[in-house]
Amino acid sequence: MVNLTLTDHNGKYWARFVRSMHEWIIVYVDEENNLRANHNLHFSGLTFLKLHYKMTEKQKIELIAAKDQSYTPA
C-alpha cells in the first residue's frame, strides 16, 4: 500500500492512499561488502517496476576512477 502525493494544475498538493499498489525495499550487504538495495513496485498484483541499487563510498569511486581513466562517475 502506497500513499501517493501529487500536485494539481494550480500547484496545490494532494495525497491519495492507493490500496492496490505495494512497494518493497530490501537493503543488504553483498559478498563484496557493497551496500545494495532491491526496490520493487507492484500494482494490482503485477510487478511494474524493479530497481536495483549499488551504493559505494565516494573514496571507492575515486580509487576506481584513478585506476581506470575511462571511468566517469554519474
N, C-alpha and C. Protein backbone atom coordinates (compact mmCIF):
# COMPACT_ATOMS: atom_id res chain seq x y z
N MET A 1 0.83 -1.17 0.00
CA MET A 1 0.00 0.00 0.00
C MET A 1 0.88 1.24 0.00
N VAL A 2 0.55 2.18 -0.85
CA VAL A 2 1.38 3.37 -1.05
C VAL A 2 0.54 4.61 -0.88
N ASN A 3 1.12 5.63 -0.26
CA ASN A 3 0.49 6.93 -0.17
C ASN A 3 1.06 7.77 -1.30
N LEU A 4 0.25 8.17 -2.24
CA LEU A 4 0.67 8.89 -3.44
C LEU A 4 0.42 10.38 -3.25
N THR A 5 1.44 11.21 -3.48
CA THR A 5 1.31 12.66 -3.35
C THR A 5 1.54 13.30 -4.71
N LEU A 6 0.62 14.16 -5.13
CA LEU A 6 0.68 14.82 -6.43
C LEU A 6 0.36 16.30 -6.30
N THR A 7 0.59 17.05 -7.37
CA THR A 7 0.16 18.44 -7.41
C THR A 7 -0.84 18.60 -8.55
N ASP A 8 -1.81 19.48 -8.35
CA ASP A 8 -2.78 19.74 -9.42
C ASP A 8 -2.30 20.90 -10.29
N HIS A 9 -3.10 21.31 -11.26
CA HIS A 9 -2.70 22.38 -12.19
C HIS A 9 -2.53 23.74 -11.50
N ASN A 10 -3.04 23.91 -10.29
CA ASN A 10 -2.86 25.15 -9.53
C ASN A 10 -1.66 25.08 -8.59
N GLY A 11 -0.93 23.96 -8.61
CA GLY A 11 0.23 23.81 -7.75
C GLY A 11 -0.11 23.36 -6.33
N LYS A 12 -1.37 22.99 -6.09
CA LYS A 12 -1.77 22.52 -4.76
C LYS A 12 -1.47 21.03 -4.65
N TYR A 13 -0.98 20.65 -3.47
CA TYR A 13 -0.65 19.25 -3.22
C TYR A 13 -1.88 18.50 -2.75
N TRP A 14 -1.97 17.26 -3.14
CA TRP A 14 -3.00 16.37 -2.62
C TRP A 14 -2.44 14.96 -2.54
N ALA A 15 -3.00 14.16 -1.69
CA ALA A 15 -2.49 12.79 -1.47
C ALA A 15 -3.64 11.80 -1.56
N ARG A 16 -3.30 10.62 -1.97
CA ARG A 16 -4.29 9.54 -2.04
C ARG A 16 -3.61 8.24 -1.65
N PHE A 17 -4.28 7.50 -0.83
CA PHE A 17 -3.80 6.18 -0.43
C PHE A 17 -4.21 5.18 -1.51
N VAL A 18 -3.23 4.49 -2.09
CA VAL A 18 -3.51 3.55 -3.18
C VAL A 18 -3.38 2.14 -2.62
N ARG A 19 -4.50 1.51 -2.34
CA ARG A 19 -4.52 0.19 -1.71
C ARG A 19 -3.97 -0.89 -2.64
N SER A 20 -4.13 -0.75 -3.95
CA SER A 20 -3.71 -1.79 -4.89
C SER A 20 -2.23 -1.68 -5.27
N MET A 21 -1.52 -0.67 -4.74
CA MET A 21 -0.10 -0.51 -5.03
C MET A 21 0.72 -0.91 -3.80
N HIS A 22 1.73 -1.75 -4.04
CA HIS A 22 2.59 -2.22 -2.95
C HIS A 22 4.04 -1.99 -3.33
N GLU A 23 4.85 -1.67 -2.33
CA GLU A 23 6.25 -1.35 -2.55
C GLU A 23 7.10 -2.06 -1.51
N TRP A 24 8.22 -2.66 -1.98
CA TRP A 24 9.17 -3.33 -1.08
C TRP A 24 10.56 -2.80 -1.38
N ILE A 25 11.30 -2.51 -0.33
CA ILE A 25 12.71 -2.14 -0.46
C ILE A 25 13.49 -3.04 0.48
N ILE A 26 14.39 -3.83 -0.09
CA ILE A 26 15.22 -4.73 0.69
C ILE A 26 16.66 -4.23 0.59
N VAL A 27 17.25 -3.89 1.72
CA VAL A 27 18.62 -3.37 1.77
C VAL A 27 19.51 -4.46 2.36
N TYR A 28 20.68 -4.69 1.72
CA TYR A 28 21.57 -5.73 2.19
C TYR A 28 23.01 -5.42 1.79
N VAL A 29 23.95 -6.14 2.39
CA VAL A 29 25.37 -6.05 2.05
C VAL A 29 25.72 -7.30 1.26
N ASP A 30 26.33 -7.13 0.07
CA ASP A 30 26.66 -8.27 -0.78
C ASP A 30 27.98 -8.92 -0.35
N GLU A 31 28.40 -9.95 -1.09
CA GLU A 31 29.60 -10.71 -0.74
C GLU A 31 30.88 -9.89 -0.88
N GLU A 32 30.84 -8.78 -1.63
CA GLU A 32 32.00 -7.89 -1.78
C GLU A 32 31.93 -6.70 -0.83
N ASN A 33 31.02 -6.77 0.16
CA ASN A 33 30.84 -5.75 1.18
C ASN A 33 30.30 -4.43 0.63
N ASN A 34 29.53 -4.49 -0.47
CA ASN A 34 28.86 -3.31 -1.02
C ASN A 34 27.43 -3.25 -0.50
N LEU A 35 26.97 -2.06 -0.19
CA LEU A 35 25.59 -1.87 0.24
C LEU A 35 24.71 -1.84 -1.01
N ARG A 36 23.67 -2.65 -1.02
CA ARG A 36 22.77 -2.76 -2.17
C ARG A 36 21.33 -2.70 -1.71
N ALA A 37 20.44 -2.44 -2.66
CA ALA A 37 19.01 -2.45 -2.36
C ALA A 37 18.25 -2.94 -3.58
N ASN A 38 17.21 -3.71 -3.32
CA ASN A 38 16.26 -4.11 -4.35
C ASN A 38 14.95 -3.40 -4.03
N HIS A 39 14.39 -2.73 -5.02
CA HIS A 39 13.21 -1.89 -4.85
C HIS A 39 12.17 -2.37 -5.86
N ASN A 40 11.07 -2.90 -5.37
CA ASN A 40 10.04 -3.47 -6.25
C ASN A 40 8.70 -2.77 -6.02
N LEU A 41 8.01 -2.47 -7.11
CA LEU A 41 6.68 -1.88 -7.05
C LEU A 41 5.70 -2.78 -7.80
N HIS A 42 4.56 -3.02 -7.15
CA HIS A 42 3.52 -3.87 -7.72
C HIS A 42 2.22 -3.08 -7.75
N PHE A 43 1.45 -3.26 -8.81
CA PHE A 43 0.14 -2.62 -8.93
C PHE A 43 -0.86 -3.69 -9.32
N SER A 44 -1.88 -3.85 -8.53
CA SER A 44 -2.92 -4.85 -8.75
C SER A 44 -2.33 -6.25 -8.94
N GLY A 45 -1.31 -6.58 -8.16
CA GLY A 45 -0.72 -7.90 -8.20
C GLY A 45 0.33 -8.11 -9.28
N LEU A 46 0.58 -7.11 -10.12
CA LEU A 46 1.57 -7.23 -11.19
C LEU A 46 2.78 -6.35 -10.90
N THR A 47 3.97 -6.91 -11.10
CA THR A 47 5.19 -6.14 -10.94
C THR A 47 5.32 -5.18 -12.11
N PHE A 48 5.45 -3.87 -11.83
CA PHE A 48 5.62 -2.93 -12.93
C PHE A 48 6.93 -2.17 -12.87
N LEU A 49 7.70 -2.32 -11.79
CA LEU A 49 8.99 -1.65 -11.72
C LEU A 49 9.90 -2.38 -10.74
N LYS A 50 11.12 -2.69 -11.20
CA LYS A 50 12.14 -3.27 -10.33
C LYS A 50 13.40 -2.43 -10.49
N LEU A 51 13.91 -1.95 -9.37
CA LEU A 51 15.14 -1.17 -9.37
C LEU A 51 16.16 -1.87 -8.48
N HIS A 52 17.41 -1.84 -8.90
CA HIS A 52 18.49 -2.44 -8.14
C HIS A 52 19.56 -1.37 -7.94
N TYR A 53 19.87 -1.09 -6.68
CA TYR A 53 20.83 -0.05 -6.34
C TYR A 53 22.12 -0.65 -5.83
N LYS A 54 23.23 0.00 -6.14
CA LYS A 54 24.52 -0.33 -5.54
C LYS A 54 25.08 0.98 -5.01
N MET A 55 25.34 1.01 -3.71
CA MET A 55 25.81 2.24 -3.07
C MET A 55 27.26 2.03 -2.64
N THR A 56 28.13 2.90 -3.09
CA THR A 56 29.54 2.81 -2.73
C THR A 56 29.99 4.12 -2.10
N GLU A 57 31.03 4.02 -1.30
CA GLU A 57 31.59 5.21 -0.68
C GLU A 57 32.30 6.05 -1.74
N LYS A 58 32.29 7.35 -1.55
CA LYS A 58 32.93 8.24 -2.51
C LYS A 58 34.41 7.90 -2.69
N GLN A 59 35.10 7.54 -1.62
CA GLN A 59 36.52 7.19 -1.72
C GLN A 59 36.73 6.03 -2.68
N LYS A 60 35.87 5.02 -2.62
CA LYS A 60 35.99 3.87 -3.51
C LYS A 60 35.83 4.30 -4.96
N ILE A 61 34.90 5.18 -5.23
CA ILE A 61 34.67 5.64 -6.59
C ILE A 61 35.90 6.40 -7.10
N GLU A 62 36.48 7.24 -6.25
CA GLU A 62 37.67 7.98 -6.66
C GLU A 62 38.85 7.04 -6.93
N LEU A 63 38.98 5.96 -6.14
CA LEU A 63 40.04 4.99 -6.37
C LEU A 63 39.83 4.25 -7.69
N ILE A 64 38.59 3.88 -7.99
CA ILE A 64 38.27 3.21 -9.25
C ILE A 64 38.61 4.13 -10.42
N ALA A 65 38.22 5.40 -10.30
CA ALA A 65 38.47 6.37 -11.37
C ALA A 65 39.97 6.56 -11.58
N ALA A 66 40.74 6.55 -10.50
CA ALA A 66 42.19 6.73 -10.62
C ALA A 66 42.83 5.54 -11.33
N LYS A 67 42.30 4.34 -11.11
CA LYS A 67 42.84 3.14 -11.75
C LYS A 67 42.39 3.01 -13.20
N ASP A 68 41.16 3.43 -13.47
CA ASP A 68 40.58 3.27 -14.81
C ASP A 68 40.21 4.66 -15.34
N GLN A 69 41.02 5.22 -16.16
CA GLN A 69 40.82 6.59 -16.65
C GLN A 69 39.56 6.73 -17.51
N SER A 70 39.02 5.61 -18.01
CA SER A 70 37.80 5.70 -18.83
C SER A 70 36.54 5.78 -17.97
N TYR A 71 36.66 5.54 -16.64
CA TYR A 71 35.52 5.56 -15.74
C TYR A 71 35.13 6.99 -15.42
N THR A 72 33.85 7.33 -15.60
CA THR A 72 33.34 8.65 -15.22
C THR A 72 32.12 8.45 -14.34
N PRO A 73 32.18 8.85 -13.06
CA PRO A 73 31.02 8.69 -12.18
C PRO A 73 29.86 9.57 -12.62
N ALA A 74 28.66 9.11 -12.38
CA ALA A 74 27.44 9.85 -12.78
C ALA A 74 27.22 11.05 -11.90
